[in-house]
Amino acid sequence: MKISKEYVSPLARMRNLGPKSAELIESIGIFDAKALANAGTLEVCHKLILAGHVISLNMAYAIQGALMDCDWRRIPIEFRRYLAVEFKKIKSR
């Protein structure tokens, strides 16, 4: 019996990012870890919002955790606070 292997996007393989998050990020033209890192967490969030996606601060945490290859709850608290402040600025534009 042959088992077919379904394609899983490179982003969906990253820690904290599942298929839905990957699909959102891919919708703005980012398809892999290198492109995600080049854009950076806040720029990705900004582009997602500009594209009309409704996202929360948890998305920023998930992206940052993916980039750091750690659970989003392990992001240093000072950096999470920074992300929260900057994310709020992006949302209010």
PDB file of N, CA and C in Angstrom:
ATOM      1  N   MET A   1       0.835  -1.180   0.000  1.00  0.00           N
ATOM      2  CA  MET A   1       0.000   0.000   0.000  1.00  0.00           C
ATOM      3  C   MET A   1       0.876   1.239   0.000  1.00  0.00           C
ATOM      4  N   LYS A   2       0.610   2.116  -0.915  1.00  0.00           N
ATOM      5  CA  LYS A   2       1.400   3.334  -1.051  1.00  0.00           C
ATOM      6  C   LYS A   2       0.755   4.474  -0.263  1.00  0.00           C
ATOM      7  N   ILE A   3       1.532   5.142   0.543  1.00  0.00           N
ATOM      8  CA  ILE A   3       1.038   6.296   1.315  1.00  0.00           C
ATOM      9  C   ILE A   3       1.550   7.552   0.641  1.00  0.00           C
ATOM     10  N   SER A   4       0.623   8.400   0.228  1.00  0.00           N
ATOM     11  CA  SER A   4       1.044   9.641  -0.417  1.00  0.00           C
ATOM     12  C   SER A   4       1.453  10.654   0.647  1.00  0.00           C
ATOM     13  N   LYS A   5       2.504  11.347   0.346  1.00  0.00           N
ATOM     14  CA  LYS A   5       2.981  12.390   1.258  1.00  0.00           C
ATOM     15  C   LYS A   5       2.459  13.718   0.756  1.00  0.00           C
ATOM     16  N   GLU A   6       1.637  14.334   1.576  1.00  0.00           N
ATOM     17  CA  GLU A   6       1.065  15.618   1.217  1.00  0.00           C
ATOM     18  C   GLU A   6       2.121  16.707   1.391  1.00  0.00           C
ATOM     19  N   TYR A   7       2.115  17.660   0.478  1.00  0.00           N
ATOM     20  CA  TYR A   7       3.062  18.767   0.550  1.00  0.00           C
ATOM     21  C   TYR A   7       2.787  19.625   1.778  1.00  0.00           C
ATOM     22  N   VAL A   8       3.836  19.940   2.501  1.00  0.00           N
ATOM     23  CA  VAL A   8       3.748  20.862   3.640  1.00  0.00           C
ATOM     24  C   VAL A   8       4.710  21.997   3.346  1.00  0.00           C
ATOM     25  N   SER A   9       4.208  23.205   3.377  1.00  0.00           N
ATOM     26  CA  SER A   9       5.035  24.354   3.034  1.00  0.00           C
ATOM     27  C   SER A   9       6.190  24.506   4.026  1.00  0.00           C
ATOM     28  N   PRO A  10       7.310  25.060   3.562  1.00  0.00           N
ATOM     29  CA  PRO A  10       8.438  25.276   4.460  1.00  0.00           C
ATOM     30  C   PRO A  10       8.071  26.128   5.678  1.00  0.00           C
ATOM     31  N   LEU A  11       7.208  27.116   5.488  1.00  0.00           N
ATOM     32  CA  LEU A  11       6.803  27.951   6.624  1.00  0.00           C
ATOM     33  C   LEU A  11       5.997  27.152   7.633  1.00  0.00           C
ATOM     34  N   ALA A  12       5.130  26.272   7.153  1.00  0.00           N
ATOM     35  CA  ALA A  12       4.290  25.474   8.055  1.00  0.00           C
ATOM     36  C   ALA A  12       5.119  24.486   8.868  1.00  0.00           C
ATOM     37  N   ARG A  13       6.328  24.210   8.425  1.00  0.00           N
ATOM     38  CA  ARG A  13       7.231  23.318   9.165  1.00  0.00           C
ATOM     39  C   ARG A  13       7.959  24.040  10.293  1.00  0.00           C
ATOM     40  N   MET A  14       7.920  25.361  10.272  1.00  0.00           N
ATOM     41  CA  MET A  14       8.629  26.128  11.303  1.00  0.00           C
ATOM     42  C   MET A  14       7.859  26.072  12.617  1.00  0.00           C
ATOM     43  N   ARG A  15       8.599  26.127  13.699  1.00  0.00           N
ATOM     44  CA  ARG A  15       7.993  26.114  15.026  1.00  0.00           C
ATOM     45  C   ARG A  15       7.008  27.276  15.155  1.00  0.00           C
ATOM     46  N   ASN A  16       5.890  27.044  15.766  1.00  0.00           N
ATOM     47  CA  ASN A  16       4.819  28.014  16.026  1.00  0.00           C
ATOM     48  C   ASN A  16       3.937  28.330  14.825  1.00  0.00           C
ATOM     49  N   LEU A  17       4.376  27.987  13.629  1.00  0.00           N
ATOM     50  CA  LEU A  17       3.588  28.305  12.438  1.00  0.00           C
ATOM     51  C   LEU A  17       2.968  27.029  11.888  1.00  0.00           C
ATOM     52  N   GLY A  18       1.671  27.026  11.782  1.00  0.00           N
ATOM     53  CA  GLY A  18       0.979  25.890  11.187  1.00  0.00           C
ATOM     54  C   GLY A  18       0.533  26.234   9.786  1.00  0.00           C
ATOM     55  N   PRO A  19      -0.281  25.377   9.206  1.00  0.00           N
ATOM     56  CA  PRO A  19      -0.731  25.597   7.827  1.00  0.00           C
ATOM     57  C   PRO A  19      -1.486  26.912   7.623  1.00  0.00           C
ATOM     58  N   LYS A  20      -2.318  27.298   8.558  1.00  0.00           N
ATOM     59  CA  LYS A  20      -3.104  28.540   8.403  1.00  0.00           C
ATOM     60  C   LYS A  20      -2.198  29.766   8.453  1.00  0.00           C
ATOM     61  N   SER A  21      -1.289  29.810   9.427  1.00  0.00           N
ATOM     62  CA  SER A  21      -0.351  30.939   9.524  1.00  0.00           C
ATOM     63  C   SER A  21       0.531  30.996   8.290  1.00  0.00           C
ATOM     64  N   ALA A  22       1.011  29.842   7.859  1.00  0.00           N
ATOM     65  CA  ALA A  22       1.857  29.793   6.668  1.00  0.00           C
ATOM     66  C   ALA A  22       1.101  30.318   5.448  1.00  0.00           C
ATOM     67  N   GLU A  23      -0.150  29.923   5.325  1.00  0.00           N
ATOM     68  CA  GLU A  23      -0.965  30.374   4.194  1.00  0.00           C
ATOM     69  C   GLU A  23      -1.120  31.894   4.190  1.00  0.00           C
ATOM     70  N   LEU A  24      -1.343  32.475   5.369  1.00  0.00           N
ATOM     71  CA  LEU A  24      -1.450  33.936   5.453  1.00  0.00           C
ATOM     72  C   LEU A  24      -0.148  34.598   5.019  1.00  0.00           C
ATOM     73  N   ILE A  25       0.957  34.105   5.555  1.00  0.00           N
ATOM     74  CA  ILE A  25       2.266  34.706   5.246  1.00  0.00           C
ATOM     75  C   ILE A  25       2.597  34.533   3.764  1.00  0.00           C
ATOM     76  N   GLU A  26       2.280  33.367   3.226  1.00  0.00           N
ATOM     77  CA  GLU A  26       2.525  33.136   1.798  1.00  0.00           C
ATOM     78  C   GLU A  26       1.678  34.063   0.927  1.00  0.00           C
ATOM     79  N   SER A  27       0.528  34.475   1.430  1.00  0.00           N
ATOM     80  CA  SER A  27      -0.348  35.360   0.645  1.00  0.00           C
ATOM     81  C   SER A  27       0.284  36.731   0.408  1.00  0.00           C
ATOM     82  N   ILE A  28       1.306  37.070   1.193  1.00  0.00           N
ATOM     83  CA  ILE A  28       1.998  38.354   0.983  1.00  0.00           C
ATOM     84  C   ILE A  28       3.362  38.150   0.313  1.00  0.00           C
ATOM     85  N   GLY A  29       3.568  36.952  -0.239  1.00  0.00           N
ATOM     86  CA  GLY A  29       4.767  36.708  -1.044  1.00  0.00           C
ATOM     87  C   GLY A  29       5.976  36.202  -0.292  1.00  0.00           C
ATOM     88  N   ILE A  30       5.796  35.723   0.908  1.00  0.00           N
ATOM     89  CA  ILE A  30       6.906  35.177   1.689  1.00  0.00           C
ATOM     90  C   ILE A  30       6.696  33.672   1.774  1.00  0.00           C
ATOM     91  N   PHE A  31       7.689  32.907   1.287  1.00  0.00           N
ATOM     92  CA  PHE A  31       7.490  31.471   1.143  1.00  0.00           C
ATOM     93  C   PHE A  31       8.477  30.596   1.911  1.00  0.00           C
ATOM     94  N   ASP A  32       9.494  31.198   2.531  1.00  0.00           N
ATOM     95  CA  ASP A  32      10.451  30.365   3.259  1.00  0.00           C
ATOM     96  C   ASP A  32      11.065  31.132   4.428  1.00  0.00           C
ATOM     97  N   ALA A  33      11.842  30.422   5.231  1.00  0.00           N
ATOM     98  CA  ALA A  33      12.426  30.997   6.448  1.00  0.00           C
ATOM     99  C   ALA A  33      13.353  32.175   6.148  1.00  0.00           C
ATOM    100  N   LYS A  34      14.106  32.079   5.068  1.00  0.00           N
ATOM    101  CA  LYS A  34      15.036  33.159   4.726  1.00  0.00           C
ATOM    102  C   LYS A  34      14.277  34.443   4.401  1.00  0.00           C
ATOM    103  N   ALA A  35      13.238  34.336   3.596  1.00  0.00           N
ATOM    104  CA  ALA A  35      12.441  35.512   3.253  1.00  0.00           C
ATOM    105  C   ALA A  35      11.732  36.069   4.482  1.00  0.00           C
ATOM    106  N   LEU A  36      11.292  35.171   5.364  1.00  0.00           N
ATOM    107  CA  LEU A  36      10.641  35.607   6.602  1.00  0.00           C
ATOM    108  C   LEU A  36      11.631  36.383   7.470  1.00  0.00           C
ATOM    109  N   ALA A  37      12.835  35.859   7.599  1.00  0.00           N
ATOM    110  CA  ALA A  37      13.862  36.526   8.397  1.00  0.00           C
ATOM    111  C   ALA A  37      14.264  37.858   7.779  1.00  0.00           C
ATOM    112  N   ASN A  38      14.370  37.902   6.459  1.00  0.00           N
ATOM    113  CA  ASN A  38      14.737  39.152   5.784  1.00  0.00           C
ATOM    114  C   ASN A  38      13.697  40.238   6.003  1.00  0.00           C
ATOM    115  N   ALA A  39      12.440  39.855   6.006  1.00  0.00           N
ATOM    116  CA  ALA A  39      11.368  40.837   6.214  1.00  0.00           C
ATOM    117  C   ALA A  39      11.278  41.231   7.682  1.00  0.00           C
ATOM    118  N   GLY A  40      11.398  40.270   8.572  1.00  0.00           N
ATOM    119  CA  GLY A  40      11.294  40.553  10.001  1.00  0.00           C
ATOM    120  C   GLY A  40       9.850  40.501  10.483  1.00  0.00           C
ATOM    121  N   THR A  41       9.700  40.224  11.731  1.00  0.00           N
ATOM    122  CA  THR A  41       8.383  40.022  12.335  1.00  0.00           C
ATOM    123  C   THR A  41       7.438  41.197  12.114  1.00  0.00           C
ATOM    124  N   LEU A  42       7.871  42.381  12.457  1.00  0.00           N
ATOM    125  CA  LEU A  42       6.974  43.535  12.396  1.00  0.00           C
ATOM    126  C   LEU A  42       6.606  43.916  10.967  1.00  0.00           C
ATOM    127  N   GLU A  43       7.539  43.781  10.047  1.00  0.00           N
ATOM    128  CA  GLU A  43       7.236  44.080   8.645  1.00  0.00           C
ATOM    129  C   GLU A  43       6.239  43.067   8.090  1.00  0.00           C
ATOM    130  N   VAL A  44       6.394  41.812   8.460  1.00  0.00           N
ATOM    131  CA  VAL A  44       5.449  40.788   8.020  1.00  0.00           C
ATOM    132  C   VAL A  44       4.055  41.106   8.560  1.00  0.00           C
ATOM    133  N   CYS A  45       3.985  41.449   9.839  1.00  0.00           N
ATOM    134  CA  CYS A  45       2.688  41.805  10.434  1.00  0.00           C
ATOM    135  C   CYS A  45       2.073  43.008   9.730  1.00  0.00           C
ATOM    136  N   HIS A  46       2.896  43.997   9.448  1.00  0.00           N
ATOM    137  CA  HIS A  46       2.408  45.190   8.755  1.00  0.00           C
ATOM    138  C   HIS A  46       1.847  44.829   7.386  1.00  0.00           C
ATOM    139  N   LYS A  47       2.569  44.011   6.635  1.00  0.00           N
ATOM    140  CA  LYS A  47       2.108  43.609   5.307  1.00  0.00           C
ATOM    141  C   LYS A  47       0.828  42.782   5.384  1.00  0.00           C
ATOM    142  N   LEU A  48       0.713  41.938   6.394  1.00  0.00           N
ATOM    143  CA  LEU A  48      -0.503  41.139   6.562  1.00  0.00           C
ATOM    144  C   LEU A  48      -1.707  42.048   6.812  1.00  0.00           C
ATOM    145  N   ILE A  49      -1.514  43.040   7.661  1.00  0.00           N
ATOM    146  CA  ILE A  49      -2.602  43.973   7.968  1.00  0.00           C
ATOM    147  C   ILE A  49      -2.967  44.788   6.725  1.00  0.00           C
ATOM    148  N   LEU A  50      -1.951  45.268   6.002  1.00  0.00           N
ATOM    149  CA  LEU A  50      -2.213  46.021   4.771  1.00  0.00           C
ATOM    150  C   LEU A  50      -2.957  45.177   3.735  1.00  0.00           C
ATOM    151  N   ALA A  51      -2.714  43.874   3.753  1.00  0.00           N
ATOM    152  CA  ALA A  51      -3.377  42.965   2.816  1.00  0.00           C
ATOM    153  C   ALA A  51      -4.805  42.640   3.247  1.00  0.00           C
ATOM    154  N   GLY A  52      -5.205  43.172   4.405  1.00  0.00           N
ATOM    155  CA  GLY A  52      -6.575  42.979   4.860  1.00  0.00           C
ATOM    156  C   GLY A  52      -6.798  41.826   5.811  1.00  0.00           C
ATOM    157  N   HIS A  53      -5.716  41.197   6.232  1.00  0.00           N
ATOM    158  CA  HIS A  53      -5.845  40.091   7.175  1.00  0.00           C
ATOM    159  C   HIS A  53      -6.008  40.631   8.593  1.00  0.00           C
ATOM    160  N   VAL A  54      -6.881  40.020   9.345  1.00  0.00           N
ATOM    161  CA  VAL A  54      -7.074  40.389  10.745  1.00  0.00           C
ATOM    162  C   VAL A  54      -6.169  39.472  11.566  1.00  0.00           C
ATOM    163  N   ILE A  55      -5.150  40.064  12.166  1.00  0.00           N
ATOM    164  CA  ILE A  55      -4.209  39.278  12.967  1.00  0.00           C
ATOM    165  C   ILE A  55      -4.104  39.885  14.355  1.00  0.00           C
ATOM    166  N   SER A  56      -3.622  39.081  15.272  1.00  0.00           N
ATOM    167  CA  SER A  56      -3.443  39.544  16.646  1.00  0.00           C
ATOM    168  C   SER A  56      -1.966  39.558  16.995  1.00  0.00           C
ATOM    169  N   LEU A  57      -1.690  40.063  18.165  1.00  0.00           N
ATOM    170  CA  LEU A  57      -0.315  40.086  18.676  1.00  0.00           C
ATOM    171  C   LEU A  57       0.259  38.682  18.729  1.00  0.00           C
ATOM    172  N   ASN A  58      -0.586  37.681  18.934  1.00  0.00           N
ATOM    173  CA  ASN A  58      -0.089  36.301  18.970  1.00  0.00           C
ATOM    174  C   ASN A  58       0.579  35.902  17.671  1.00  0.00           C
ATOM    175  N   MET A  59       0.137  36.455  16.555  1.00  0.00           N
ATOM    176  CA  MET A  59       0.791  36.168  15.276  1.00  0.00           C
ATOM    177  C   MET A  59       2.214  36.701  15.289  1.00  0.00           C
ATOM    178  N   ALA A  60       2.403  37.901  15.826  1.00  0.00           N
ATOM    179  CA  ALA A  60       3.750  38.464  15.928  1.00  0.00           C
ATOM    180  C   ALA A  60       4.624  37.574  16.807  1.00  0.00           C
ATOM    181  N   TYR A  61       4.076  37.114  17.916  1.00  0.00           N
ATOM    182  CA  TYR A  61       4.839  36.214  18.791  1.00  0.00           C
ATOM    183  C   TYR A  61       5.176  34.910  18.083  1.00  0.00           C
ATOM    184  N   ALA A  62       4.218  34.375  17.352  1.00  0.00           N
ATOM    185  CA  ALA A  62       4.446  33.117  16.637  1.00  0.00           C
ATOM    186  C   ALA A  62       5.541  33.276  15.591  1.00  0.00           C
ATOM    187  N   ILE A  63       5.501  34.373  14.845  1.00  0.00           N
ATOM    188  CA  ILE A  63       6.528  34.615  13.824  1.00  0.00           C
ATOM    189  C   ILE A  63       7.895  34.773  14.479  1.00  0.00           C
ATOM    190  N   GLN A  64       7.964  35.568  15.534  1.00  0.00           N
ATOM    191  CA  GLN A  64       9.245  35.777  16.194  1.00  0.00           C
ATOM    192  C   GLN A  64       9.786  34.478  16.775  1.00  0.00           C
ATOM    193  N   GLY A  65       8.914  33.693  17.387  1.00  0.00           N
ATOM    194  CA  GLY A  65       9.335  32.399  17.910  1.00  0.00           C
ATOM    195  C   GLY A  65       9.842  31.487  16.802  1.00  0.00           C
ATOM    196  N   ALA A  66       9.175  31.530  15.644  1.00  0.00           N
ATOM    197  CA  ALA A  66       9.623  30.736  14.500  1.00  0.00           C
ATOM    198  C   ALA A  66      11.020  31.168  14.067  1.00  0.00           C
ATOM    199  N   LEU A  67      11.231  32.465  14.018  1.00  0.00           N
ATOM    200  CA  LEU A  67      12.548  32.980  13.609  1.00  0.00           C
ATOM    201  C   LEU A  67      13.635  32.637  14.621  1.00  0.00           C
ATOM    202  N   MET A  68      13.265  32.579  15.888  1.00  0.00           N
ATOM    203  CA  MET A  68      14.231  32.243  16.944  1.00  0.00           C
ATOM    204  C   MET A  68      14.297  30.735  17.200  1.00  0.00           C
ATOM    205  N   ASP A  69      13.452  29.981  16.510  1.00  0.00           N
ATOM    206  CA  ASP A  69      13.327  28.532  16.693  1.00  0.00           C
ATOM    207  C   ASP A  69      13.089  28.166  18.150  1.00  0.00           C
ATOM    208  N   CYS A  70      12.119  28.865  18.742  1.00  0.00           N
ATOM    209  CA  CYS A  70      11.739  28.561  20.120  1.00  0.00           C
ATOM    210  C   CYS A  70      10.235  28.740  20.271  1.00  0.00           C
ATOM    211  N   ASP A  71       9.677  28.114  21.268  1.00  0.00           N
ATOM    212  CA  ASP A  71       8.276  28.325  21.579  1.00  0.00           C
ATOM    213  C   ASP A  71       8.079  29.815  21.838  1.00  0.00           C
ATOM    214  N   TRP A  72       6.977  30.369  21.351  1.00  0.00           N
ATOM    215  CA  TRP A  72       6.775  31.819  21.474  1.00  0.00           C
ATOM    216  C   TRP A  72       6.784  32.272  22.929  1.00  0.00           C
ATOM    217  N   ARG A  73       6.426  31.386  23.856  1.00  0.00           N
ATOM    218  CA  ARG A  73       6.439  31.750  25.279  1.00  0.00           C
ATOM    219  C   ARG A  73       7.849  31.856  25.839  1.00  0.00           C
ATOM    220  N   ARG A  74       8.827  31.400  25.075  1.00  0.00           N
ATOM    221  CA  ARG A  74      10.243  31.481  25.490  1.00  0.00           C
ATOM    222  C   ARG A  74      10.942  32.730  24.970  1.00  0.00           C
ATOM    223  N   ILE A  75      10.248  33.533  24.193  1.00  0.00           N
ATOM    224  CA  ILE A  75      10.828  34.807  23.743  1.00  0.00           C
ATOM    225  C   ILE A  75      11.036  35.645  24.992  1.00  0.00           C
ATOM    226  N   PRO A  76      12.211  36.229  25.163  1.00  0.00           N
ATOM    227  CA  PRO A  76      12.453  37.036  26.367  1.00  0.00           C
ATOM    228  C   PRO A  76      11.363  38.087  26.567  1.00  0.00           C
ATOM    229  N   ILE A  77      10.928  38.245  27.802  1.00  0.00           N
ATOM    230  CA  ILE A  77       9.810  39.127  28.140  1.00  0.00           C
ATOM    231  C   ILE A  77      10.023  40.554  27.643  1.00  0.00           C
ATOM    232  N   GLU A  78      11.264  41.033  27.726  1.00  0.00           N
ATOM    233  CA  GLU A  78      11.540  42.404  27.267  1.00  0.00           C
ATOM    234  C   GLU A  78      11.263  42.529  25.769  1.00  0.00           C
ATOM    235  N   PHE A  79      11.615  41.491  25.030  1.00  0.00           N
ATOM    236  CA  PHE A  79      11.397  41.535  23.590  1.00  0.00           C
ATOM    237  C   PHE A  79       9.915  41.379  23.278  1.00  0.00           C
ATOM    238  N   ARG A  80       9.199  40.569  24.049  1.00  0.00           N
ATOM    239  CA  ARG A  80       7.746  40.451  23.860  1.00  0.00           C
ATOM    240  C   ARG A  80       7.077  41.792  24.122  1.00  0.00           C
ATOM    241  N   ARG A  81       7.547  42.504  25.132  1.00  0.00           N
ATOM    242  CA  ARG A  81       6.983  43.843  25.414  1.00  0.00           C
ATOM    243  C   ARG A  81       7.241  44.786  24.241  1.00  0.00           C
ATOM    244  N   TYR A  82       8.455  44.744  23.711  1.00  0.00           N
ATOM    245  CA  TYR A  82       8.799  45.557  22.550  1.00  0.00           C
ATOM    246  C   TYR A  82       7.869  45.234  21.378  1.00  0.00           C
ATOM    247  N   LEU A  83       7.693  43.947  21.093  1.00  0.00           N
ATOM    248  CA  LEU A  83       6.799  43.547  20.010  1.00  0.00           C
ATOM    249  C   LEU A  83       5.385  44.048  20.247  1.00  0.00           C
ATOM    250  N   ALA A  84       4.933  43.968  21.496  1.00  0.00           N
ATOM    251  CA  ALA A  84       3.569  44.414  21.826  1.00  0.00           C
ATOM    252  C   ALA A  84       3.399  45.904  21.534  1.00  0.00           C
ATOM    253  N   VAL A  85       4.369  46.703  21.931  1.00  0.00           N
ATOM    254  CA  VAL A  85       4.299  48.156  21.706  1.00  0.00           C
ATOM    255  C   VAL A  85       4.325  48.462  20.206  1.00  0.00           C
ATOM    256  N   GLU A  86       5.238  47.838  19.494  1.00  0.00           N
ATOM    257  CA  GLU A  86       5.365  48.106  18.064  1.00  0.00           C
ATOM    258  C   GLU A  86       4.177  47.568  17.281  1.00  0.00           C
ATOM    259  N   PHE A  87       3.649  46.426  17.686  1.00  0.00           N
ATOM    260  CA  PHE A  87       2.479  45.858  17.022  1.00  0.00           C
ATOM    261  C   PHE A  87       1.283  46.795  17.181  1.00  0.00           C
ATOM    262  N   LYS A  88       1.139  47.359  18.371  1.00  0.00           N
ATOM    263  CA  LYS A  88       0.032  48.299  18.623  1.00  0.00           C
ATOM    264  C   LYS A  88       0.147  49.507  17.701  1.00  0.00           C
ATOM    265  N   LYS A  89       1.370  49.979  17.476  1.00  0.00           N
ATOM    266  CA  LYS A  89       1.589  51.114  16.562  1.00  0.00           C
ATOM    267  C   LYS A  89       1.170  50.745  15.145  1.00  0.00           C
ATOM    268  N   ILE A  90       1.540  49.548  14.723  1.00  0.00           N
ATOM    269  CA  ILE A  90       1.195  49.090  13.369  1.00  0.00           C
ATOM    270  C   ILE A  90      -0.325  49.013  13.222  1.00  0.00           C
ATOM    271  N   LYS A  91      -0.997  48.457  14.223  1.00  0.00           N
ATOM    272  CA  LYS A  91      -2.453  48.296  14.161  1.00  0.00           C
ATOM    273  C   LYS A  91      -3.181  49.637  14.115  1.00  0.00           C
ATOM    274  N   SER A  92      -2.584  50.655  14.702  1.00  0.00           N
ATOM    275  CA  SER A  92      -3.271  51.948  14.780  1.00  0.00           C
ATOM    276  C   SER A  92      -3.003  52.848  13.575  1.00  0.00           C
ATOM    277  N   ARG A  93      -2.176  52.412  12.644  1.00  0.00           N
ATOM    278  CA  ARG A  93      -1.887  53.232  11.454  1.00  0.00           C
ATOM    279  C   ARG A  93      -3.070  53.342  10.553  1.00  0.00           C
TER     280      ARG A  93
END
